[in-house]
Protein backbone atom coordinates (compact mmCIF):
# COMPACT_ATOMS: atom_id res chain seq x y z
CA MET A 1 -19.31 -5.27 18.98
CA LEU A 2 -16.40 -2.91 19.66
CA VAL A 3 -15.28 -2.69 16.03
CA LYS A 4 -17.62 -2.32 13.09
CA PRO A 5 -16.70 -4.92 10.44
CA ALA A 6 -16.90 -2.42 7.56
CA SER A 7 -14.61 0.04 9.39
CA LEU A 8 -12.09 -2.69 10.14
CA ALA A 9 -12.13 -3.88 6.51
CA ARG A 10 -11.58 -0.31 5.22
CA ALA A 11 -8.70 0.31 7.63
CA VAL A 12 -6.92 -2.93 6.79
CA GLN A 13 -7.47 -2.43 3.05
CA ALA A 14 -6.10 1.13 3.30
CA ALA A 15 -2.97 -0.18 5.02
CA TYR A 16 -2.47 -2.77 2.30
CA GLY A 17 -3.02 -0.09 -0.35
CA GLU A 18 -0.32 2.10 1.21
CA ALA A 19 2.01 -0.91 1.08
CA GLY A 20 1.45 -1.24 -2.67
CA TYR A 21 -1.25 -3.92 -2.71
CA LEU A 22 -3.66 -1.80 -4.73
CA ALA A 23 -5.92 -4.70 -5.75
CA SER A 24 -6.17 -6.15 -2.24
CA ARG A 25 -9.56 -7.13 -0.88
CA VAL A 26 -10.50 -7.46 2.78
CA THR A 27 -13.64 -9.07 4.12
CA VAL A 28 -14.73 -9.46 7.72
CA GLY A 29 -16.98 -12.34 8.65
CA ALA A 30 -19.41 -12.83 11.48
CA VAL A 31 -18.13 -13.24 15.03
CA GLN A 32 -17.93 -16.88 16.03
CA VAL A 33 -18.44 -17.43 19.77
CA ASP A 34 -17.44 -20.65 21.53
CA GLY A 35 -17.92 -20.35 25.27
CA GLN A 36 -15.65 -17.56 26.48
CA THR A 37 -13.73 -17.38 23.22
CA ALA A 38 -14.71 -15.30 20.22
CA VAL A 39 -13.15 -15.23 16.77
CA LEU A 40 -13.62 -12.50 14.19
CA PRO A 41 -12.58 -13.97 10.82
CA VAL A 42 -10.79 -11.50 8.55
CA THR A 43 -9.87 -12.60 5.02
CA ILE A 44 -7.19 -10.66 3.16
CA VAL A 45 -6.45 -11.27 -0.51
CA GLU A 46 -3.26 -9.37 -1.35
CA TRP A 47 -2.84 -10.04 -5.08
CA LEU A 48 0.39 -8.67 -6.50
CA GLN A 49 2.28 -5.72 -5.09
CA ALA A 50 2.35 -2.83 -7.56
CA ARG A 51 5.76 -1.72 -8.77
CA VAL A 52 7.21 1.53 -10.07
CA THR A 53 9.17 0.56 -13.17
CA SER A 54 9.97 3.97 -14.59
CA VAL A 55 9.88 7.63 -13.63
CA THR A 56 9.48 10.53 -16.04
CA TRP A 57 11.10 13.75 -14.89
CA GLU A 58 9.18 16.69 -16.31
CA GLY A 59 10.47 20.24 -16.18
CA VAL A 60 14.03 19.10 -15.42
CA ALA A 61 16.84 20.46 -17.57
CA PRO A 62 18.75 17.64 -19.27
CA SER A 63 21.94 18.88 -17.61
CA ARG A 64 20.39 18.32 -14.13
CA ARG A 65 18.64 14.99 -14.76
CA ALA A 66 21.42 12.78 -13.34
CA GLU A 67 21.61 14.97 -10.22
CA ILE A 68 17.82 14.77 -9.69
CA GLU A 69 17.74 11.01 -10.23
CA ALA A 70 20.54 10.54 -7.68
CA ALA A 71 18.77 12.77 -5.15
CA ALA A 72 15.58 10.69 -5.45
CA GLU A 73 17.55 7.61 -4.32
CA LEU A 74 15.07 5.40 -6.17
CA GLU A 75 16.22 2.01 -7.42
CA LEU A 76 13.84 0.67 -10.05
CA PRO A 77 11.78 -1.38 -10.04
CA ALA A 78 10.56 -0.29 -6.60
CA ALA A 79 7.49 -1.18 -4.59
CA TYR A 80 4.61 1.23 -5.22
CA THR A 81 4.18 2.44 -1.64
CA ALA A 82 3.33 5.71 0.03
CA ALA A 83 7.00 6.02 1.04
CA THR A 84 8.22 5.47 -2.54
CA LEU A 85 5.86 8.09 -3.91
CA THR A 86 6.90 10.59 -1.24
CA ALA A 87 10.57 10.03 -2.07
CA VAL A 88 10.02 10.62 -5.77
CA ARG A 89 7.88 13.72 -5.23
CA ARG A 90 10.28 15.56 -2.89
């Protein structure tokens, strides 16, 4: 087999996690061969996408809070994704 099932499951689950599906589960079944055709069943259970519903700004002077919030360009609630977290942290 060219791809190890456990490696494929981890990679797919990591991608779903980065997209905010933190409770996702991925399973890879046994290869099913029918003549010259093979099928590798992959089951993905997404569950709900995590959301950022509030952000606490620590160490920010009250006079600068509005400026910082505007610079983050974050509209809440937002999907909990790697991109959202990067935007808030910058």
